[in-house]
Amino acid sequence: MATIKELYDLCKKKLEAGEKLGFLLKAFVEEYENEDKEQTTKEVSVTFMKKKNSIS
């Protein structure tokens, strides 16, 4: 299992190599860089929604 810092480092390496990141990883990198470095914990709320296919 990776730590938050390891995930951030991997994303930054991919960006430097010219690879594109998905919107979720881009948001993660932006939030990590904007995060208050003195803060030790952060609350995150995530909701997954499954799209239902209707058959007519």
C-alpha atoms as a PDB file:
ATOM      1  CA  MET A   1       0.000   0.000   0.000  1.00  0.00           C
ATOM      2  CA  ALA A   2       1.344   3.442  -0.933  1.00  0.00           C
ATOM      3  CA  THR A   3       1.469   6.505   1.281  1.00  0.00           C
ATOM      4  CA  ILE A   4       0.015   9.861   0.236  1.00  0.00           C
ATOM      5  CA  LYS A   5       3.539  11.233  -0.298  1.00  0.00           C
ATOM      6  CA  GLU A   6       4.506   8.269  -2.521  1.00  0.00           C
ATOM      7  CA  LEU A   7       1.382   8.758  -4.640  1.00  0.00           C
ATOM      8  CA  TYR A   8       2.134  12.476  -4.949  1.00  0.00           C
ATOM      9  CA  ASP A   9       5.734  11.752  -5.998  1.00  0.00           C
ATOM     10  CA  LEU A  10       4.551   9.242  -8.622  1.00  0.00           C
ATOM     11  CA  CYS A  11       2.058  11.755 -10.037  1.00  0.00           C
ATOM     12  CA  LYS A  12       4.712  14.482 -10.213  1.00  0.00           C
ATOM     13  CA  LYS A  13       7.109  12.115 -12.050  1.00  0.00           C
ATOM     14  CA  LYS A  14       4.378  11.298 -14.566  1.00  0.00           C
ATOM     15  CA  LEU A  15       3.675  15.006 -15.119  1.00  0.00           C
ATOM     16  CA  GLU A  16       7.375  15.755 -15.592  1.00  0.00           C
ATOM     17  CA  ALA A  17       7.597  12.904 -18.129  1.00  0.00           C
ATOM     18  CA  GLY A  18       4.795  14.542 -20.106  1.00  0.00           C
ATOM     19  CA  GLU A  19       2.091  12.028 -19.261  1.00  0.00           C
ATOM     20  CA  LYS A  20      -1.451  13.257 -18.724  1.00  0.00           C
ATOM     21  CA  LEU A  21      -3.201  12.639 -15.427  1.00  0.00           C
ATOM     22  CA  GLY A  22      -6.915  12.068 -14.973  1.00  0.00           C
ATOM     23  CA  PHE A  23      -9.033  14.692 -13.263  1.00  0.00           C
ATOM     24  CA  LEU A  24      -8.948  12.862  -9.930  1.00  0.00           C
ATOM     25  CA  LEU A  25      -5.146  12.662  -9.828  1.00  0.00           C
ATOM     26  CA  LYS A  26      -4.840  16.286 -10.970  1.00  0.00           C
ATOM     27  CA  ALA A  27      -7.127  17.352  -8.127  1.00  0.00           C
ATOM     28  CA  PHE A  28      -5.113  15.227  -5.694  1.00  0.00           C
ATOM     29  CA  VAL A  29      -1.831  16.880  -6.740  1.00  0.00           C
ATOM     30  CA  GLU A  30      -3.337  20.372  -6.485  1.00  0.00           C
ATOM     31  CA  GLU A  31      -4.780  19.707  -3.034  1.00  0.00           C
ATOM     32  CA  TYR A  32      -1.547  18.139  -1.809  1.00  0.00           C
ATOM     33  CA  GLU A  33       0.434  21.191  -2.932  1.00  0.00           C
ATOM     34  CA  ASN A  34      -2.098  23.597  -1.364  1.00  0.00           C
ATOM     35  CA  GLU A  35      -2.370  21.668   1.890  1.00  0.00           C
ATOM     36  CA  ASP A  36      -1.263  23.347   5.087  1.00  0.00           C
ATOM     37  CA  LYS A  37       1.995  21.560   5.950  1.00  0.00           C
ATOM     38  CA  GLU A  38       1.368  21.934   9.700  1.00  0.00           C
ATOM     39  CA  GLN A  39      -1.884  19.988   9.499  1.00  0.00           C
ATOM     40  CA  THR A  40      -1.393  16.297  10.305  1.00  0.00           C
ATOM     41  CA  THR A  41      -4.844  14.922   9.430  1.00  0.00           C
ATOM     42  CA  LYS A  42      -7.497  15.752   6.893  1.00  0.00           C
ATOM     43  CA  GLU A  43     -11.106  14.619   6.587  1.00  0.00           C
ATOM     44  CA  VAL A  44     -12.185  13.454   3.137  1.00  0.00           C
ATOM     45  CA  SER A  45     -15.673  12.514   1.988  1.00  0.00           C
ATOM     46  CA  VAL A  46     -16.093  10.438  -1.197  1.00  0.00           C
ATOM     47  CA  THR A  47     -19.297   9.209  -2.825  1.00  0.00           C
ATOM     48  CA  PHE A  48     -19.427   6.679  -5.649  1.00  0.00           C
ATOM     49  CA  MET A  49     -22.519   6.617  -7.824  1.00  0.00           C
ATOM     50  CA  LYS A  50     -23.267   3.791 -10.224  1.00  0.00           C
ATOM     51  CA  LYS A  51     -25.077   4.713 -13.406  1.00  0.00           C
ATOM     52  CA  LYS A  52     -28.088   2.488 -14.051  1.00  0.00           C
ATOM     53  CA  ASN A  53     -28.689   1.373 -17.615  1.00  0.00           C
ATOM     54  CA  SER A  54     -32.365   1.324 -18.528  1.00  0.00           C
ATOM     55  CA  ILE A  55     -33.481  -1.180 -21.113  1.00  0.00           C
ATOM     56  CA  SER A  56     -36.461  -0.013 -23.136  1.00  0.00           C
END
